[in-house]
Amino acid sequence: MYNIIIKEDIIPDIEQLLDLYNDVEWYAYTNDKTNLKNAINNSLKVWTAWDDEKLVGLIRVVGDGYTIIYIQDILILESYQKQGIGSHLLRLILEHYKPVRQIVLMTDQTEKTINFYEKNGMIKVTDYNCVAFMK
């Protein structure tokens, strides 16, 4: 991660966002670039990771910032994964929002994602004897 620069509340241009989201195959986001840009612009907090002028990662939060936040997106270009960038971005969020009572994140149930979040101190809702719902 030695050449990576982290920027707070810098919104990348739409082409950079599309490149990042398409790289990790999050096509539901890239099918409507206006919605993607609006979603990023209306986030509570955005941190981005840059290799010179190249967007290589992003994490964003939605919520009220006081009682609950939802870590909506965390994504790193495939070729930059396993370098600690995602963990660093997640630590920034967790530290910044430390006083918040509920920090929520929903992700795919894969070994890769479970290992990543557990390695970074996140706990499954089932471990709290809770259940999550969505529509």
Protein backbone atom coordinates (compact mmCIF):
# COMPACT_ATOMS: atom_id res chain seq x y z
CA MET A 1 0.00 0.00 0.00
CA TYR A 2 3.07 2.23 -0.08
CA ASN A 3 2.07 4.24 -3.21
CA ILE A 4 -1.64 4.47 -2.40
CA ILE A 5 -3.06 7.81 -1.31
CA ILE A 6 -6.34 7.91 0.64
CA LYS A 7 -8.63 10.88 0.02
CA GLU A 8 -11.62 11.85 2.14
CA ASP A 9 -14.82 13.16 0.53
CA ILE A 10 -13.33 13.41 -2.96
CA ILE A 11 -15.93 12.20 -5.44
CA PRO A 12 -14.37 10.58 -8.52
CA ASP A 13 -15.76 11.34 -11.94
CA ILE A 14 -18.32 8.93 -13.35
CA GLU A 15 -15.89 7.19 -15.71
CA GLN A 16 -13.53 6.38 -12.82
CA LEU A 17 -16.47 5.04 -10.80
CA LEU A 18 -17.69 2.93 -13.71
CA ASP A 19 -14.20 1.47 -14.19
CA LEU A 20 -13.98 0.53 -10.50
CA TYR A 21 -17.47 -0.92 -10.17
CA ASN A 22 -17.23 -2.82 -13.48
CA ASP A 23 -13.83 -4.25 -12.50
CA VAL A 24 -15.39 -5.97 -9.47
CA GLU A 25 -18.46 -6.91 -11.54
CA TRP A 26 -20.97 -4.80 -9.62
CA TYR A 27 -23.02 -4.30 -12.76
CA ALA A 28 -26.24 -3.52 -10.89
CA TYR A 29 -24.57 -0.20 -10.05
CA THR A 30 -23.14 0.48 -13.50
CA ASN A 31 -26.35 -0.22 -15.42
CA ASP A 32 -27.55 3.26 -14.44
CA LYS A 33 -24.63 5.67 -14.20
CA THR A 34 -26.84 8.57 -13.10
CA ASN A 35 -28.05 6.56 -10.10
CA LEU A 36 -24.47 5.52 -9.31
CA LYS A 37 -23.22 9.11 -9.36
CA ASN A 38 -26.20 10.29 -7.25
CA ALA A 39 -25.66 7.47 -4.76
CA ILE A 40 -22.01 8.39 -4.28
CA ASN A 41 -22.77 12.12 -4.09
CA ASN A 42 -25.46 11.58 -1.44
CA SER A 43 -23.40 9.31 0.79
CA LEU A 44 -22.70 10.36 4.36
CA LYS A 45 -18.97 9.73 3.90
CA VAL A 46 -16.73 8.61 1.03
CA TRP A 47 -13.08 7.64 1.21
CA THR A 48 -11.20 6.76 -1.96
CA ALA A 49 -7.86 5.10 -2.63
CA TRP A 50 -5.66 6.35 -5.47
CA ASP A 51 -2.55 5.13 -7.23
CA ASP A 52 -1.42 8.43 -8.71
CA GLU A 53 -4.50 9.52 -10.72
CA LYS A 54 -6.03 6.01 -10.86
CA LEU A 55 -8.99 5.22 -8.60
CA VAL A 56 -8.21 1.84 -7.05
CA GLY A 57 -10.66 1.67 -4.16
CA LEU A 58 -13.67 3.22 -2.49
CA ILE A 59 -15.65 2.87 0.70
CA ARG A 60 -18.83 4.77 1.40
CA VAL A 61 -21.26 5.12 4.29
CA VAL A 62 -24.92 6.01 4.50
CA GLY A 63 -26.91 6.72 7.67
CA ASP A 64 -27.33 9.46 10.25
CA GLY A 65 -23.76 9.32 11.56
CA TYR A 66 -24.87 9.32 15.21
CA THR A 67 -26.91 6.23 16.02
CA ILE A 68 -26.45 4.14 12.87
CA ILE A 69 -24.30 3.91 9.81
CA TYR A 70 -24.44 1.43 7.01
CA ILE A 71 -21.25 0.60 5.15
CA GLN A 72 -22.81 0.51 1.73
CA ASP A 73 -19.88 -0.15 -0.59
CA ILE A 74 -16.30 -1.21 -0.16
CA LEU A 75 -14.51 -2.19 -3.32
CA ILE A 76 -10.93 -2.45 -4.52
CA LEU A 77 -9.76 -3.05 -8.08
CA GLU A 78 -9.10 -6.75 -8.50
CA SER A 79 -5.41 -6.17 -9.33
CA TYR A 80 -4.97 -4.14 -6.09
CA GLN A 81 -6.66 -6.58 -3.73
CA LYS A 82 -4.72 -8.33 -0.95
CA GLN A 83 -2.50 -5.30 -0.37
CA GLY A 84 -4.29 -4.03 2.74
CA ILE A 85 -6.17 -1.21 1.00
CA GLY A 86 -9.64 -2.52 1.86
CA SER A 87 -8.66 -3.18 5.46
CA HIS A 88 -7.22 0.32 5.74
CA LEU A 89 -10.41 1.92 4.35
CA LEU A 90 -12.55 -0.16 6.71
CA ARG A 91 -10.41 0.85 9.70
CA LEU A 92 -10.84 4.52 8.74
CA ILE A 93 -14.63 4.12 8.81
CA LEU A 94 -14.67 2.15 12.06
CA GLU A 95 -12.44 4.71 13.78
CA HIS A 96 -14.27 7.75 12.40
CA TYR A 97 -17.65 6.37 13.49
CA LYS A 98 -16.49 4.72 16.73
CA PRO A 99 -19.16 6.52 18.85
CA VAL A 100 -21.99 5.26 16.61
CA ARG A 101 -24.10 2.57 18.29
CA GLN A 102 -24.86 0.45 15.22
CA ILE A 103 -22.46 -0.12 12.35
CA VAL A 104 -24.09 -2.36 9.78
CA LEU A 105 -22.78 -4.01 6.64
CA MET A 106 -24.40 -6.55 4.34
CA THR A 107 -22.36 -8.57 1.85
CA ASP A 108 -22.28 -11.75 -0.17
CA GLN A 109 -21.94 -14.89 1.88
CA THR A 110 -18.69 -16.14 0.38
CA GLU A 111 -15.62 -17.46 2.13
CA LYS A 112 -13.63 -14.51 0.76
CA THR A 113 -15.95 -11.84 2.16
CA ILE A 114 -16.56 -13.59 5.48
CA ASN A 115 -12.80 -13.99 6.03
CA PHE A 116 -12.14 -10.36 5.12
CA TYR A 117 -14.73 -8.89 7.49
CA GLU A 118 -13.99 -11.24 10.37
CA LYS A 119 -10.26 -10.50 9.98
CA ASN A 120 -11.17 -6.83 10.35
CA GLY A 121 -13.17 -7.31 13.56
CA MET A 122 -16.68 -7.45 12.11
CA ILE A 123 -19.13 -9.92 13.66
CA LYS A 124 -21.99 -11.77 11.96
CA VAL A 125 -25.46 -10.65 13.11
CA THR A 126 -26.24 -14.27 13.96
CA ASP A 127 -23.52 -14.07 16.63
CA TYR A 128 -25.66 -11.38 18.30
CA ASN A 129 -28.69 -13.67 18.12
CA CYS A 130 -30.16 -11.27 15.53
CA VAL A 131 -31.66 -11.68 12.11
CA ALA A 132 -31.48 -9.28 9.18
CA PHE A 133 -34.29 -8.62 6.70
CA MET A 134 -34.33 -7.03 3.29
CA LYS A 135 -36.68 -6.47 0.43
